[in-house]
Amino acid sequence: MMNEPFLIPIVFEEVTYEFKARFERWGYSHRIAVLIDEITYNFEPDEEGGYRALVNPESPVPLLNIKLLRAISEKLIALNN
């Protein structure tokens, strides 16, 4: 994986988006920070080989469409293969 910022293209509900992202080392693993509407969401590898979004339940940000987070997760899996 690269350490510099990159773009993640996503087609979601027939609209194409490009989200800014960056790879971050996290202990023995990593996270991918994705900027969505000026808010950074962290995706980390899960036990099944996918990615899960870490969302702070105490954060006052509006709840994102869970399907969009899933689409980003699927794209990260595809980029990793």
N, C-alpha and C. Protein backbone atom coordinates (compact mmCIF):
# COMPACT_ATOMS: atom_id res chain seq x y z
N MET A 1 0.84 -1.18 0.00
CA MET A 1 0.00 0.00 0.00
C MET A 1 0.88 1.24 0.00
N MET A 2 0.33 2.31 -0.49
CA MET A 2 1.07 3.56 -0.54
C MET A 2 0.81 4.40 0.71
N ASN A 3 1.74 5.31 1.01
CA ASN A 3 1.61 6.18 2.17
C ASN A 3 1.13 7.58 1.82
N GLU A 4 0.95 7.87 0.56
CA GLU A 4 0.50 9.20 0.17
C GLU A 4 -0.99 9.19 -0.12
N PRO A 5 -1.62 10.38 -0.06
CA PRO A 5 -3.07 10.45 -0.31
C PRO A 5 -3.43 9.91 -1.71
N PHE A 6 -4.62 9.36 -1.81
CA PHE A 6 -5.11 8.86 -3.08
C PHE A 6 -6.62 9.06 -3.15
N LEU A 7 -7.20 8.87 -4.32
CA LEU A 7 -8.64 9.02 -4.51
C LEU A 7 -9.29 7.66 -4.67
N ILE A 8 -10.47 7.52 -4.08
CA ILE A 8 -11.25 6.30 -4.21
C ILE A 8 -12.49 6.64 -5.04
N PRO A 9 -12.56 6.16 -6.29
CA PRO A 9 -13.76 6.40 -7.10
C PRO A 9 -14.86 5.41 -6.73
N ILE A 10 -16.05 5.91 -6.52
CA ILE A 10 -17.20 5.09 -6.14
C ILE A 10 -18.39 5.49 -7.02
N VAL A 11 -19.08 4.51 -7.57
CA VAL A 11 -20.36 4.77 -8.22
C VAL A 11 -21.42 4.30 -7.23
N PHE A 12 -22.23 5.25 -6.76
CA PHE A 12 -23.22 4.96 -5.74
C PHE A 12 -24.54 5.60 -6.14
N GLU A 13 -25.56 4.79 -6.27
CA GLU A 13 -26.89 5.25 -6.69
C GLU A 13 -26.80 6.09 -7.96
N GLU A 14 -26.05 5.54 -8.94
CA GLU A 14 -25.89 6.10 -10.27
C GLU A 14 -25.16 7.44 -10.30
N VAL A 15 -24.46 7.79 -9.23
CA VAL A 15 -23.65 9.01 -9.17
C VAL A 15 -22.21 8.59 -8.89
N THR A 16 -21.26 9.20 -9.60
CA THR A 16 -19.85 8.90 -9.39
C THR A 16 -19.26 9.90 -8.41
N TYR A 17 -18.59 9.37 -7.40
CA TYR A 17 -17.92 10.18 -6.38
C TYR A 17 -16.45 9.85 -6.39
N GLU A 18 -15.63 10.78 -5.93
CA GLU A 18 -14.22 10.52 -5.68
C GLU A 18 -13.94 11.01 -4.27
N PHE A 19 -13.58 10.10 -3.39
CA PHE A 19 -13.31 10.44 -2.00
C PHE A 19 -11.80 10.44 -1.76
N LYS A 20 -11.31 11.47 -1.10
CA LYS A 20 -9.90 11.53 -0.72
C LYS A 20 -9.65 10.53 0.39
N ALA A 21 -8.51 9.84 0.32
CA ALA A 21 -8.19 8.83 1.32
C ALA A 21 -6.69 8.83 1.58
N ARG A 22 -6.31 8.24 2.71
CA ARG A 22 -4.90 8.06 3.02
C ARG A 22 -4.72 6.79 3.83
N PHE A 23 -3.61 6.13 3.57
CA PHE A 23 -3.24 4.91 4.27
C PHE A 23 -2.52 5.30 5.55
N GLU A 24 -2.87 4.67 6.68
CA GLU A 24 -2.22 4.96 7.95
C GLU A 24 -1.82 3.66 8.63
N ARG A 25 -0.58 3.56 9.04
CA ARG A 25 -0.16 2.40 9.85
C ARG A 25 -0.81 2.53 11.21
N TRP A 26 -1.28 1.41 11.76
CA TRP A 26 -1.96 1.40 13.05
C TRP A 26 -1.50 0.16 13.80
N GLY A 27 -0.46 0.32 14.62
CA GLY A 27 0.10 -0.84 15.31
C GLY A 27 0.64 -1.83 14.30
N TYR A 28 0.21 -3.08 14.40
CA TYR A 28 0.64 -4.12 13.46
C TYR A 28 -0.27 -4.18 12.24
N SER A 29 -1.24 -3.32 12.18
CA SER A 29 -2.21 -3.33 11.09
C SER A 29 -2.20 -1.98 10.39
N HIS A 30 -3.33 -1.61 9.83
CA HIS A 30 -3.46 -0.33 9.15
C HIS A 30 -4.91 0.13 9.18
N ARG A 31 -5.10 1.39 8.87
CA ARG A 31 -6.41 1.97 8.66
C ARG A 31 -6.35 2.80 7.39
N ILE A 32 -7.49 2.98 6.79
CA ILE A 32 -7.59 3.88 5.65
C ILE A 32 -8.58 4.97 6.04
N ALA A 33 -8.08 6.20 6.09
CA ALA A 33 -8.91 7.35 6.45
C ALA A 33 -9.53 7.90 5.17
N VAL A 34 -10.87 8.00 5.14
CA VAL A 34 -11.59 8.45 3.96
C VAL A 34 -12.37 9.70 4.33
N LEU A 35 -12.19 10.76 3.53
CA LEU A 35 -12.87 12.02 3.78
C LEU A 35 -14.20 12.04 3.02
N ILE A 36 -15.30 12.14 3.78
CA ILE A 36 -16.64 12.15 3.21
C ILE A 36 -17.36 13.37 3.76
N ASP A 37 -17.69 14.32 2.91
CA ASP A 37 -18.38 15.54 3.34
C ASP A 37 -17.66 16.23 4.50
N GLU A 38 -16.34 16.41 4.34
CA GLU A 38 -15.51 17.11 5.33
C GLU A 38 -15.35 16.37 6.66
N ILE A 39 -15.75 15.11 6.72
CA ILE A 39 -15.61 14.29 7.93
C ILE A 39 -14.78 13.07 7.57
N THR A 40 -13.80 12.76 8.41
CA THR A 40 -12.94 11.60 8.16
C THR A 40 -13.52 10.36 8.82
N TYR A 41 -13.67 9.31 8.03
CA TYR A 41 -14.12 8.00 8.52
C TYR A 41 -12.96 7.04 8.37
N ASN A 42 -12.69 6.28 9.40
CA ASN A 42 -11.60 5.31 9.36
C ASN A 42 -12.14 3.92 9.05
N PHE A 43 -11.49 3.27 8.10
CA PHE A 43 -11.83 1.89 7.74
C PHE A 43 -10.65 1.02 8.16
N GLU A 44 -10.95 -0.07 8.86
CA GLU A 44 -9.89 -0.98 9.28
C GLU A 44 -10.23 -2.39 8.82
N PRO A 45 -9.20 -3.23 8.62
CA PRO A 45 -9.46 -4.61 8.21
C PRO A 45 -10.23 -5.36 9.29
N ASP A 46 -11.13 -6.23 8.86
CA ASP A 46 -11.86 -7.06 9.82
C ASP A 46 -11.38 -8.51 9.70
N GLU A 47 -11.95 -9.38 10.52
CA GLU A 47 -11.52 -10.77 10.58
C GLU A 47 -11.81 -11.56 9.31
N GLU A 48 -12.78 -11.12 8.52
CA GLU A 48 -13.17 -11.84 7.31
C GLU A 48 -12.42 -11.38 6.07
N GLY A 49 -11.47 -10.45 6.23
CA GLY A 49 -10.72 -9.97 5.08
C GLY A 49 -11.35 -8.75 4.41
N GLY A 50 -12.38 -8.20 5.01
CA GLY A 50 -13.01 -7.00 4.48
C GLY A 50 -12.56 -5.78 5.26
N TYR A 51 -13.31 -4.71 5.13
CA TYR A 51 -13.04 -3.49 5.89
C TYR A 51 -14.32 -3.07 6.60
N ARG A 52 -14.16 -2.57 7.82
CA ARG A 52 -15.30 -2.03 8.56
C ARG A 52 -15.03 -0.56 8.82
N ALA A 53 -16.11 0.23 8.81
CA ALA A 53 -16.01 1.65 9.10
C ALA A 53 -16.12 1.85 10.60
N LEU A 54 -15.24 2.67 11.13
CA LEU A 54 -15.30 3.02 12.54
C LEU A 54 -16.03 4.36 12.64
N VAL A 55 -17.16 4.35 13.32
CA VAL A 55 -17.97 5.56 13.46
C VAL A 55 -18.13 5.83 14.95
N ASN A 56 -17.78 7.02 15.38
CA ASN A 56 -17.90 7.39 16.78
C ASN A 56 -19.37 7.66 17.10
N PRO A 57 -20.01 6.86 17.98
CA PRO A 57 -21.44 7.06 18.27
C PRO A 57 -21.72 8.37 19.01
N GLU A 58 -20.70 8.98 19.60
CA GLU A 58 -20.90 10.24 20.31
C GLU A 58 -20.65 11.45 19.43
N SER A 59 -20.25 11.22 18.20
CA SER A 59 -19.96 12.31 17.29
C SER A 59 -21.25 13.00 16.84
N PRO A 60 -21.24 14.33 16.79
CA PRO A 60 -22.46 15.05 16.40
C PRO A 60 -22.68 15.11 14.90
N VAL A 61 -21.94 14.34 14.13
CA VAL A 61 -22.08 14.38 12.67
C VAL A 61 -23.33 13.64 12.24
N PRO A 62 -23.89 14.04 11.10
CA PRO A 62 -25.08 13.33 10.61
C PRO A 62 -24.75 11.90 10.22
N LEU A 63 -25.68 11.01 10.44
CA LEU A 63 -25.47 9.60 10.11
C LEU A 63 -25.42 9.42 8.61
N LEU A 64 -24.36 8.83 8.14
CA LEU A 64 -24.20 8.57 6.71
C LEU A 64 -25.05 7.39 6.29
N ASN A 65 -25.32 7.34 5.03
CA ASN A 65 -26.00 6.19 4.46
C ASN A 65 -25.10 4.96 4.62
N ILE A 66 -25.58 3.98 5.34
CA ILE A 66 -24.79 2.77 5.61
C ILE A 66 -24.43 2.06 4.31
N LYS A 67 -25.25 2.20 3.29
CA LYS A 67 -24.96 1.58 2.00
C LYS A 67 -23.75 2.24 1.34
N LEU A 68 -23.58 3.54 1.55
CA LEU A 68 -22.40 4.22 1.01
C LEU A 68 -21.14 3.72 1.71
N LEU A 69 -21.18 3.60 3.03
CA LEU A 69 -20.03 3.06 3.75
C LEU A 69 -19.70 1.65 3.28
N ARG A 70 -20.72 0.85 3.03
CA ARG A 70 -20.51 -0.52 2.54
C ARG A 70 -19.88 -0.49 1.14
N ALA A 71 -20.32 0.43 0.28
CA ALA A 71 -19.76 0.54 -1.07
C ALA A 71 -18.28 0.93 -1.00
N ILE A 72 -17.93 1.82 -0.09
CA ILE A 72 -16.53 2.20 0.08
C ILE A 72 -15.73 1.02 0.58
N SER A 73 -16.27 0.28 1.53
CA SER A 73 -15.60 -0.90 2.06
C SER A 73 -15.34 -1.92 0.96
N GLU A 74 -16.32 -2.15 0.10
CA GLU A 74 -16.16 -3.10 -1.00
C GLU A 74 -15.09 -2.62 -1.98
N LYS A 75 -15.03 -1.32 -2.21
CA LYS A 75 -14.01 -0.77 -3.11
C LYS A 75 -12.62 -0.97 -2.51
N LEU A 76 -12.49 -0.77 -1.19
CA LEU A 76 -11.20 -0.97 -0.53
C LEU A 76 -10.75 -2.41 -0.64
N ILE A 77 -11.69 -3.35 -0.53
CA ILE A 77 -11.36 -4.77 -0.70
C ILE A 77 -10.84 -5.02 -2.11
N ALA A 78 -11.52 -4.44 -3.10
CA ALA A 78 -11.11 -4.62 -4.50
C ALA A 78 -9.73 -4.01 -4.75
N LEU A 79 -9.45 -2.85 -4.15
CA LEU A 79 -8.14 -2.22 -4.33
C LEU A 79 -7.03 -3.03 -3.68
N ASN A 80 -7.37 -3.76 -2.65
CA ASN A 80 -6.38 -4.55 -1.89
C ASN A 80 -6.04 -5.86 -2.58
N ASN A 81 -6.89 -6.30 -3.50
CA ASN A 81 -6.67 -7.59 -4.18
C ASN A 81 -5.92 -7.43 -5.47
